[in-house]
Amino acid sequence: MKYALVNGEKEEATKGAKGVCQICGSELIAKCGEVNINHWAHKGNHNCDPWWENETDWHRSWKNNFPKEWQEIIHTDENSGEKHIADVKTDSNWVLEFQRSHIKPEERRSRNAFYSNLVWVLDGTRRKRDKLNFHRVLYEFAIRSDDPRFKAIMGQDDCKLIKEWHENNAFVFLDFQDTDKAGNPIVWFLFPKIAENEAYLLPVSRDYFVELHKNNKFDELVENTIAPFIKKLTHKEEVKVEMEQSRERERKARMDMLLYGRRARRF
């Protein structure tokens, strides 16, 4: 953890300091060394939040974009009383989870259900081949998109990270530490799976992503850009399915006519 309660205040770990866990109230010990980043830890192997993962510089670089008051916020389910620590929770109640380590599908679904307004930011550089495969499918399997802002690809199963996160009912952003043509850092929004063999992506400036959340305007990106395109894709897929069903009905009708004609000629 980055923060513990020291004399009732959220404080970062310093050598020799002791604090109290925000979620369970037990004693925390400051871990300060040259290998791992400074952090707080429970005594022994105890961890009161099973969703928590050891933090890296990547985690901290993301969290440090946001006010201290928004970091490591306890979120409680009103019905069950279940508690977890959100990496960041904004004033507009968006929860940002910065995920680097592998996460099982059932835990991902549990988090999606626990946090009603959840945004995942995934470290796309954790596995060596994820970034290479992402850029390969992005350019080798690109298909035409009606809007140049969006990238459409086939062959998304060739990118393990997309395959793992494509069917998700929360917002997912992939951080490959990419830059745009001007050298500005970007993240990639992965649209939820709509078509069986297509994936859609939207490059978003990292600074813009952060500023939207800091100014409580992330809903504008959702309402003005993401939601309309999802609606458009959904309609496109519905039309495609209807056309396929219509062709199937026509095929069956032709087969019925052919079979009926054969039977009629017999008699």
Protein backbone atom coordinates (compact mmCIF):
# COMPACT_ATOMS: atom_id res chain seq x y z
CA MET A 1 0.00 0.00 0.00
CA LYS A 2 1.07 3.54 -0.65
CA TYR A 3 -0.78 5.01 2.33
CA ALA A 4 -1.40 4.13 5.97
CA LEU A 5 -3.05 6.11 8.72
CA VAL A 6 -0.45 7.78 10.94
CA ASN A 7 -1.97 9.77 13.77
CA GLY A 8 -5.23 9.70 11.84
CA GLU A 9 -3.74 11.10 8.61
CA LYS A 10 -2.92 9.35 5.33
CA GLU A 11 0.86 9.17 5.07
CA GLU A 12 3.35 7.47 2.76
CA ALA A 13 5.86 4.99 4.11
CA THR A 14 9.10 6.30 5.60
CA LYS A 15 11.87 4.26 7.16
CA GLY A 16 11.04 3.09 10.68
CA ALA A 17 7.48 4.41 10.62
CA LYS A 18 4.42 2.53 11.80
CA GLY A 19 0.87 3.04 10.71
CA VAL A 20 -2.62 1.59 10.73
CA CYS A 21 -4.44 -0.09 7.83
CA GLN A 22 -7.38 1.95 6.56
CA ILE A 23 -9.49 -1.11 5.84
CA CYS A 24 -8.89 -3.50 8.76
CA GLY A 25 -7.30 -1.29 11.43
CA SER A 26 -4.31 -3.57 11.99
CA GLU A 27 -0.73 -2.36 12.32
CA LEU A 28 1.30 -1.70 9.18
CA ILE A 29 5.07 -1.62 8.86
CA ALA A 30 6.94 0.71 6.51
CA LYS A 31 8.99 -1.17 3.92
CA CYS A 32 11.69 1.10 2.55
CA GLY A 33 14.58 -0.32 0.58
CA GLU A 34 16.56 0.02 -2.62
CA VAL A 35 14.84 -2.72 -4.61
CA ASN A 36 11.10 -2.17 -4.12
CA ILE A 37 9.35 1.16 -3.94
CA ASN A 38 8.49 2.39 -0.46
CA HIS A 39 5.23 0.87 0.76
CA TRP A 40 3.27 -0.25 3.79
CA ALA A 41 2.78 -3.93 4.58
CA HIS A 42 0.86 -5.99 7.11
CA LYS A 43 2.86 -8.12 9.49
CA GLY A 44 3.56 -11.61 8.17
CA ASN A 45 1.72 -12.62 5.02
CA HIS A 46 -1.60 -11.13 6.12
CA ASN A 47 -3.45 -9.07 3.52
CA CYS A 48 -6.93 -7.82 4.35
CA ASP A 49 -7.87 -7.10 0.71
CA PRO A 50 -7.41 -10.12 -1.59
CA TRP A 51 -7.73 -7.87 -4.64
CA TRP A 52 -4.64 -5.88 -3.72
CA GLU A 53 -1.43 -6.45 -5.70
CA ASN A 54 2.16 -5.43 -5.05
CA GLU A 55 2.75 -2.04 -6.60
CA THR A 56 5.37 -1.08 -9.15
CA ASP A 57 6.66 2.23 -10.48
CA TRP A 58 4.02 1.88 -13.20
CA HIS A 59 1.24 1.84 -10.59
CA ARG A 60 2.67 4.82 -8.75
CA SER A 61 3.19 6.87 -11.89
CA TRP A 62 -0.51 6.50 -12.68
CA LYS A 63 -1.78 7.09 -9.13
CA ASN A 64 0.41 10.16 -8.70
CA ASN A 65 -1.55 11.89 -11.47
CA PHE A 66 -4.43 12.28 -9.04
CA PRO A 67 -4.94 14.08 -5.73
CA LYS A 68 -3.87 12.28 -2.56
CA GLU A 69 -7.47 12.43 -1.35
CA TRP A 70 -8.58 10.28 -4.31
CA GLN A 71 -5.97 7.56 -3.87
CA GLU A 72 -6.55 4.26 -2.04
CA ILE A 73 -10.16 4.89 -1.14
CA ILE A 74 -12.17 2.28 0.76
CA HIS A 75 -15.29 1.27 -1.15
CA THR A 76 -17.99 -0.56 0.83
CA ASP A 77 -20.92 -2.56 -0.52
CA GLU A 78 -24.03 -1.18 1.18
CA ASN A 79 -25.78 -4.55 1.26
CA SER A 80 -23.05 -7.05 2.17
CA GLY A 81 -20.60 -4.75 3.93
CA GLU A 82 -17.77 -6.11 1.74
CA LYS A 83 -14.82 -3.70 1.55
CA HIS A 84 -12.05 -3.18 -0.98
CA ILE A 85 -9.49 -0.45 -1.60
CA ALA A 86 -9.89 1.36 -4.91
CA ASP A 87 -6.66 2.60 -6.49
CA VAL A 88 -8.34 5.92 -7.33
CA LYS A 89 -11.89 7.13 -6.83
CA THR A 90 -12.79 10.48 -8.34
CA ASP A 91 -15.26 13.06 -7.10
CA SER A 92 -17.65 11.92 -9.84
CA ASN A 93 -17.47 8.35 -8.42
CA TRP A 94 -15.42 6.77 -11.18
CA VAL A 95 -13.13 4.07 -9.82
CA LEU A 96 -9.80 3.59 -11.59
CA GLU A 97 -8.03 0.25 -11.15
CA PHE A 98 -4.46 0.04 -12.42
CA GLN A 99 -3.79 -3.60 -13.20
CA ARG A 100 -0.40 -5.08 -14.01
CA SER A 101 -0.43 -8.67 -12.71
CA HIS A 102 -2.52 -11.51 -14.11
CA ILE A 103 -6.10 -11.56 -12.87
CA LYS A 104 -8.48 -14.50 -13.08
CA PRO A 105 -11.71 -13.98 -15.06
CA GLU A 106 -13.88 -14.65 -12.02
CA GLU A 107 -12.08 -11.94 -10.01
CA ARG A 108 -12.40 -9.51 -12.89
CA ARG A 109 -16.14 -10.15 -13.03
CA SER A 110 -16.37 -9.71 -9.25
CA ARG A 111 -14.66 -6.32 -9.43
CA ASN A 112 -16.86 -5.25 -12.33
CA ALA A 113 -19.92 -6.05 -10.23
CA PHE A 114 -18.54 -4.49 -7.02
CA TYR A 115 -17.63 -1.13 -8.59
CA SER A 116 -20.56 0.29 -10.54
CA ASN A 117 -18.45 2.89 -12.40
CA LEU A 118 -15.19 1.10 -13.10
CA VAL A 119 -12.33 1.98 -15.45
CA TRP A 120 -9.51 -0.53 -15.90
CA VAL A 121 -6.06 0.66 -17.00
CA LEU A 122 -3.88 -2.32 -17.95
CA ASP A 123 -0.11 -2.42 -18.22
CA GLY A 124 0.40 -3.78 -21.74
CA THR A 125 4.16 -4.15 -21.27
CA ARG A 126 4.03 -6.82 -18.53
CA ARG A 127 4.33 -9.72 -20.98
CA LYS A 128 7.04 -9.27 -23.57
CA ARG A 129 4.97 -10.23 -26.60
CA ASP A 130 1.73 -8.35 -25.83
CA LYS A 131 2.90 -5.04 -27.24
CA LEU A 132 4.46 -6.69 -30.32
CA ASN A 133 1.30 -8.70 -31.02
CA PHE A 134 -0.93 -5.69 -30.44
CA HIS A 135 0.88 -3.58 -33.02
CA ARG A 136 1.06 -6.51 -35.43
CA VAL A 137 -2.71 -7.05 -35.46
CA LEU A 138 -3.28 -3.30 -35.43
CA TYR A 139 -1.48 -2.91 -38.76
CA GLU A 140 -1.62 -6.36 -40.40
CA PHE A 141 -5.29 -7.06 -39.66
CA ALA A 142 -6.69 -3.54 -39.92
CA ILE A 143 -10.08 -3.13 -41.58
CA ARG A 144 -11.76 0.06 -42.74
CA SER A 145 -13.58 2.07 -40.11
CA ASP A 146 -16.27 4.60 -41.01
CA ASP A 147 -14.65 7.08 -38.60
CA PRO A 148 -10.86 7.67 -38.86
CA ARG A 149 -10.64 8.26 -35.09
CA PHE A 150 -11.28 4.57 -34.47
CA LYS A 151 -9.14 1.56 -35.34
CA ALA A 152 -10.85 -1.65 -36.42
CA ILE A 153 -9.08 -5.00 -36.61
CA MET A 154 -9.70 -8.62 -37.47
CA GLY A 155 -7.57 -11.39 -35.98
CA GLN A 156 -7.87 -10.00 -32.46
CA ASP A 157 -7.36 -13.51 -31.06
CA ASP A 158 -3.71 -13.15 -32.10
CA CYS A 159 -3.31 -10.56 -29.34
CA LYS A 160 -3.69 -12.34 -26.00
CA LEU A 161 -4.41 -9.17 -24.04
CA ILE A 162 -7.33 -8.21 -26.30
CA LYS A 163 -8.66 -11.77 -26.22
CA GLU A 164 -8.56 -11.81 -22.41
CA TRP A 165 -10.28 -8.44 -21.94
CA HIS A 166 -12.53 -8.09 -24.97
CA GLU A 167 -15.66 -9.45 -23.26
CA ASN A 168 -15.88 -6.99 -20.40
CA ASN A 169 -18.73 -4.85 -19.06
CA ALA A 170 -16.46 -2.14 -17.65
CA PHE A 171 -14.28 0.38 -19.49
CA VAL A 172 -10.85 -0.97 -20.45
CA PHE A 173 -7.81 1.11 -21.45
CA LEU A 174 -4.56 -0.52 -22.59
CA ASP A 175 -1.29 1.19 -21.71
CA PHE A 176 1.51 0.04 -24.01
CA GLN A 177 3.48 3.21 -23.25
CA ASP A 178 2.85 4.25 -26.85
CA THR A 179 3.04 7.77 -28.24
CA ASP A 180 1.25 9.50 -31.09
CA LYS A 181 2.99 11.06 -34.09
CA ALA A 182 3.77 14.17 -32.03
CA GLY A 183 5.40 12.08 -29.30
CA ASN A 184 2.58 12.48 -26.77
CA PRO A 185 1.74 9.42 -24.59
CA ILE A 186 -1.48 7.63 -25.47
CA VAL A 187 -3.63 4.81 -24.12
CA TRP A 188 -5.98 2.62 -26.15
CA PHE A 189 -9.65 2.25 -25.29
CA LEU A 190 -10.83 -1.29 -26.06
CA PHE A 191 -14.49 -1.31 -27.04
CA PRO A 192 -16.57 -4.15 -25.57
CA LYS A 193 -17.02 -7.13 -27.84
CA ILE A 194 -19.91 -6.65 -30.23
CA ALA A 195 -19.00 -8.55 -33.41
CA GLU A 196 -17.63 -12.07 -33.14
CA ASN A 197 -14.52 -11.52 -35.27
CA GLU A 198 -13.87 -7.77 -34.94
CA ALA A 199 -12.32 -5.50 -32.32
CA TYR A 200 -12.45 -1.71 -32.17
CA LEU A 201 -9.99 0.64 -30.48
CA LEU A 202 -9.77 4.35 -29.81
CA PRO A 203 -6.40 6.03 -29.12
CA VAL A 204 -6.72 8.58 -26.32
CA SER A 205 -4.11 11.03 -25.09
CA ARG A 206 -2.92 9.96 -21.65
CA ASP A 207 -2.87 13.58 -20.51
CA TYR A 208 -6.42 14.07 -21.80
CA PHE A 209 -7.56 10.90 -20.02
CA VAL A 210 -6.09 12.18 -16.74
CA GLU A 211 -7.46 15.70 -17.14
CA LEU A 212 -10.96 14.41 -17.89
CA HIS A 213 -10.97 12.53 -14.60
CA LYS A 214 -9.36 15.32 -12.60
CA ASN A 215 -11.96 17.76 -13.90
CA ASN A 216 -14.78 15.23 -13.43
CA LYS A 217 -15.55 15.24 -17.14
CA PHE A 218 -14.93 11.61 -18.06
CA ASP A 219 -18.67 11.24 -18.63
CA GLU A 220 -18.29 13.60 -21.60
CA LEU A 221 -15.95 11.16 -23.35
CA VAL A 222 -18.38 8.34 -22.63
CA GLU A 223 -21.52 10.20 -23.72
CA ASN A 224 -20.10 12.10 -26.72
CA THR A 225 -17.64 9.60 -28.20
CA ILE A 226 -17.76 6.09 -26.76
CA ALA A 227 -21.51 5.52 -26.34
CA PRO A 228 -22.53 6.78 -29.83
CA PHE A 229 -19.93 4.57 -31.49
CA ILE A 230 -21.05 1.53 -29.46
CA LYS A 231 -24.63 2.26 -30.55
CA LYS A 232 -23.50 2.51 -34.16
CA LEU A 233 -21.56 -0.76 -33.96
CA THR A 234 -24.47 -2.52 -32.28
CA HIS A 235 -26.86 -1.36 -35.02
CA LYS A 236 -24.39 -2.46 -37.70
CA GLU A 237 -24.15 -5.91 -36.14
CA GLU A 238 -27.93 -6.20 -35.81
CA VAL A 239 -28.33 -5.35 -39.51
CA LYS A 240 -25.66 -7.93 -40.39
CA VAL A 241 -27.39 -10.62 -38.33
CA GLU A 242 -30.77 -9.78 -39.87
CA MET A 243 -29.29 -10.02 -43.38
CA GLU A 244 -27.73 -13.39 -42.58
CA GLN A 245 -31.04 -14.63 -41.16
CA SER A 246 -32.87 -13.34 -44.25
CA ARG A 247 -30.43 -15.15 -46.57
CA GLU A 248 -30.90 -18.32 -44.52
CA ARG A 249 -34.68 -18.04 -44.82
CA GLU A 250 -34.36 -17.56 -48.59
CA ARG A 251 -32.06 -20.58 -48.85
CA LYS A 252 -34.51 -22.77 -46.94
CA ALA A 253 -37.37 -21.50 -49.08
CA ARG A 254 -35.49 -22.42 -52.26
CA MET A 255 -34.71 -25.85 -50.87
CA ASP A 256 -38.37 -26.36 -49.92
CA MET A 257 -39.48 -25.34 -53.40
CA LEU A 258 -36.95 -27.69 -54.95
CA LEU A 259 -38.04 -30.59 -52.74
CA TYR A 260 -41.73 -29.82 -53.32
CA GLY A 261 -41.16 -29.70 -57.06
CA ARG A 262 -39.50 -33.12 -56.98
CA ARG A 263 -42.39 -34.60 -55.00
CA ALA A 264 -44.96 -33.04 -57.36
CA ARG A 265 -43.26 -34.46 -60.45
CA ARG A 266 -43.44 -37.98 -58.95
CA PHE A 267 -47.19 -37.84 -58.92
